[in-house]
Protein backbone atom coordinates (compact mmCIF):
# COMPACT_ATOMS: atom_id res chain seq x y z
CA MET A 1 -34.84 5.46 -2.05
CA SER A 2 -34.46 9.06 -1.69
CA ASP A 3 -31.54 10.08 -0.20
CA ASP A 4 -31.78 11.22 3.45
CA ALA A 5 -35.72 9.97 4.10
CA PRO A 6 -34.65 6.50 4.09
CA ALA A 7 -31.47 6.49 5.95
CA GLY A 8 -33.28 8.44 8.64
CA ASP A 9 -35.94 5.69 8.93
CA GLY A 10 -34.82 2.70 11.51
CA PRO A 11 -36.66 0.52 9.57
CA TRP A 12 -34.07 1.29 6.87
CA LEU A 13 -30.97 2.03 8.56
CA ALA A 14 -31.06 -1.09 10.10
CA ARG A 15 -32.01 -3.24 6.58
CA PHE A 16 -28.47 -1.16 5.62
CA HIS A 17 -26.37 -2.13 8.39
CA ALA A 18 -27.33 -6.18 8.12
CA GLY A 19 -25.93 -5.46 4.54
CA GLU A 20 -29.48 -7.30 3.21
CA ALA A 21 -28.67 -7.73 -0.32
CA SER A 22 -31.74 -5.84 -1.74
CA VAL A 23 -30.55 -2.06 0.11
CA LEU A 24 -26.66 -2.06 -1.33
CA ASN A 25 -28.31 -3.25 -4.36
CA ALA A 26 -30.69 -0.30 -4.51
CA CYS A 27 -27.54 1.89 -3.36
CA TYR A 28 -25.40 0.51 -5.78
CA ARG A 29 -27.69 1.18 -8.25
CA GLU A 30 -28.88 4.71 -7.48
CA HIS A 31 -25.05 5.84 -5.82
CA PHE A 32 -22.69 4.91 -8.34
CA ASP A 33 -22.33 8.30 -10.75
CA ALA A 34 -22.07 10.50 -7.64
CA VAL A 35 -19.33 8.25 -5.82
CA TYR A 36 -17.43 7.74 -9.04
CA ARG A 37 -17.61 11.42 -9.63
CA SER A 38 -16.21 12.02 -6.27
CA ALA A 39 -13.62 9.88 -7.08
CA SER A 40 -12.61 11.36 -9.96
CA ARG A 41 -12.52 14.78 -8.65
CA VAL A 42 -8.51 13.34 -6.68
CA LEU A 43 -8.09 10.05 -9.46
CA SER A 44 -8.52 9.48 -13.10
CA GLY A 45 -9.95 6.56 -15.17
CA VAL A 46 -9.09 3.38 -13.66
CA ASP A 47 -7.26 4.39 -10.60
CA ALA A 48 -11.35 6.48 -9.66
CA GLU A 49 -13.01 3.24 -10.58
CA THR A 50 -11.23 1.34 -8.33
CA VAL A 51 -11.63 3.19 -5.66
CA VAL A 52 -15.50 3.02 -6.19
CA HIS A 53 -15.84 -0.32 -6.95
CA ASP A 54 -13.67 -0.42 -3.47
CA VAL A 55 -15.64 1.52 -1.81
CA PHE A 56 -18.79 -0.36 -2.89
CA LEU A 57 -16.56 -3.83 -2.10
CA ARG A 58 -16.39 -2.56 1.88
CA LEU A 59 -20.28 -1.98 1.93
CA VAL A 60 -21.23 -5.15 0.98
CA SER A 61 -18.09 -7.06 2.81
CA ASP A 62 -17.79 -4.66 5.93
CA GLU A 63 -20.40 -4.85 8.25
CA ALA A 64 -17.97 -2.29 10.35
CA VAL A 65 -18.01 0.03 7.05
CA ARG A 66 -21.75 0.24 6.59
CA ARG A 67 -22.32 0.59 11.06
CA SER A 68 -20.21 3.88 10.43
CA PHE A 69 -23.17 5.07 8.96
CA GLN A 70 -25.83 6.30 11.41
CA GLY A 71 -28.21 8.19 9.34
CA GLY A 72 -28.35 11.44 7.46
CA SER A 73 -27.06 11.74 3.98
CA LEU A 74 -26.19 8.55 2.26
CA ALA A 75 -24.85 10.27 -0.76
CA ALA A 76 -23.01 12.78 1.54
CA TRP A 77 -21.04 9.68 3.44
CA LEU A 78 -20.43 7.68 0.59
CA ASN A 79 -18.83 10.50 -1.20
CA THR A 80 -16.61 11.48 1.36
CA LEU A 81 -15.67 7.79 1.83
CA ALA A 82 -14.82 7.80 -2.46
CA ARG A 83 -13.05 10.74 -1.38
CA ASN A 84 -10.88 9.53 1.60
CA LEU A 85 -9.91 6.76 -0.24
CA ALA A 86 -8.87 7.91 -3.21
CA VAL A 87 -6.39 10.78 -0.99
CA ASP A 88 -5.13 7.56 0.83
CA VAL A 89 -4.24 5.82 -3.30
CA VAL A 90 -2.32 9.62 -3.96
CA ARG A 91 -1.17 9.91 -0.55
CA ARG A 92 0.45 5.62 -0.85
CA ARG A 93 1.68 6.65 -4.38
CA GLN A 94 3.72 9.47 -3.14
CA ARG A 95 5.31 7.96 0.01
CA GLU A 96 6.65 5.21 -2.62
CA ARG A 97 8.12 7.93 -4.99
CA THR A 98 10.01 9.20 -1.83
CA ALA A 99 11.19 5.97 -0.90
CA LEU A 100 11.86 5.43 -4.84
CA ASP A 101 13.41 8.98 -4.97
CA ARG A 102 16.30 8.44 -1.79
CA LEU A 103 16.67 5.13 -3.28
CA ALA A 104 17.66 6.62 -6.37
CA GLU A 105 19.97 9.29 -4.14
CA GLU A 106 22.30 6.70 -2.11
CA PRO A 107 24.81 5.14 -4.49
CA ARG A 108 24.43 1.67 -4.65
CA PHE A 109 26.86 -1.18 -5.08
CA ASP A 110 26.20 -2.55 -8.40
CA GLU A 111 27.75 0.98 -9.61
CA GLU A 112 31.20 0.21 -8.59
CA PRO A 113 33.69 0.18 -11.37
CA SER A 114 35.27 -3.06 -9.91
CA ALA A 115 34.23 -4.08 -6.26
CA PRO A 116 36.97 -6.11 -4.50
CA GLU A 117 36.87 -9.38 -4.25
CA PRO A 118 34.98 -9.98 -0.14
CA SER A 119 37.43 -10.52 2.67
CA LEU A 120 36.50 -12.99 5.10
CA ASP A 121 35.87 -10.49 7.52
CA ALA A 122 33.24 -8.42 5.01
CA ILE A 123 31.83 -12.53 4.69
CA LEU A 124 31.50 -13.30 8.16
CA LEU A 125 29.81 -9.46 9.01
CA LEU A 126 27.32 -10.40 6.48
CA GLU A 127 26.44 -13.28 7.51
CA ARG A 128 25.79 -12.31 10.92
CA PHE A 129 23.96 -9.18 9.83
CA ARG A 130 21.60 -11.89 8.10
CA ARG A 131 21.38 -13.77 11.37
CA GLU A 132 21.41 -11.35 13.85
CA ARG A 133 18.86 -8.12 11.97
CA LEU A 134 17.65 -9.53 8.78
CA PRO A 135 14.15 -10.61 8.97
CA PRO A 136 13.77 -14.01 7.18
CA LYS A 137 11.17 -12.08 5.04
CA TRP A 138 13.24 -8.98 3.22
CA ALA A 139 16.23 -11.82 3.35
CA PRO A 140 15.43 -12.87 -0.61
CA VAL A 141 15.79 -8.95 -1.35
CA PHE A 142 18.90 -8.46 0.37
CA GLU A 143 20.17 -12.15 -1.47
CA ALA A 144 18.93 -10.42 -5.24
CA ARG A 145 20.17 -6.40 -4.61
CA PHE A 146 23.29 -6.66 -2.47
CA VAL A 147 24.76 -10.54 -3.04
CA ARG A 148 23.93 -10.42 -5.97
CA GLN A 149 23.88 -7.39 -6.77
CA LEU A 150 21.10 -7.41 -9.97
CA SER A 151 19.08 -3.91 -11.02
CA GLN A 152 16.14 -2.94 -9.01
CA ARG A 153 13.98 -4.36 -11.92
CA GLU A 154 16.02 -7.74 -12.78
CA ALA A 155 15.38 -7.92 -8.98
CA ALA A 156 11.81 -7.31 -8.37
CA ALA A 157 11.47 -9.76 -11.57
CA ALA A 158 13.44 -12.35 -9.78
CA LEU A 159 11.44 -12.37 -6.55
CA GLY A 160 7.90 -12.18 -8.67
CA ILE A 161 6.94 -8.89 -6.47
CA ARG A 162 6.66 -5.29 -7.73
CA ARG A 163 9.76 -3.01 -7.92
CA THR A 164 7.86 -0.34 -6.02
CA THR A 165 7.55 -3.26 -2.51
CA LEU A 166 11.26 -4.11 -4.04
CA ALA A 167 12.68 -0.69 -3.29
CA TYR A 168 10.77 -0.17 0.12
CA GLN A 169 12.21 -3.74 1.19
CA GLU A 170 15.51 -2.20 -0.35
CA LEU A 171 15.50 1.09 1.59
CA ARG A 172 14.36 -0.82 5.07
CA VAL A 173 17.53 -3.60 4.25
CA ARG A 174 19.44 -0.10 3.92
CA GLN A 175 19.03 1.08 7.18
CA LEU A 176 18.78 -1.74 9.10
CA LEU A 177 22.45 -2.61 7.14
CA LYS A 178 23.71 0.97 8.36
CA LYS A 179 22.51 0.69 11.64
CA PHE A 180 23.93 -2.27 12.16
CA LEU A 181 27.80 -1.44 10.49
CA LEU A 182 27.79 1.31 12.64
CA SER A 183 26.90 0.01 15.66
CA PRO A 184 29.76 -0.88 18.34
CA GLU A 185 29.41 -4.43 18.27
CA ALA A 186 29.45 -5.06 14.72
CA ARG A 187 33.25 -3.51 15.15
């Protein structure tokens, strides 16, 4: 299978779109190295390999991805797909770093020298926040970070989630809490 000729060939393209195993196998064997080089321009090592595997997994498992190739240079299309996925990984990491940096800048409840005993009003206010504004999926993070005042590392381990996931959820909970506490109905 040469790069351009079969892709322009109607029967080959139909077999590619249908996900025929022999066509996808040949595609993998012939284009793996080029796709790896494309991903390696953006990422290195294991991360580039993960992107390459993701490209070919999408080809095997997702007909919509295969159908997005309409002919022309299969190598160029695969390289573009790999580069775009690699760039997405970099962007996601940058967003995670930004969220972690923002969290690091905000004062943490567990950094106070000695937390005063919560008053009944504060307890009722927190319960109302939980009931009215806190999505149930973020309740464990709220409990671990704000009530039990665990560090991010301890909370992530206790909840069995990644620290970046915890940091994102904590940021969202902080935003909801801040909005709730500043709203007139919270007073």
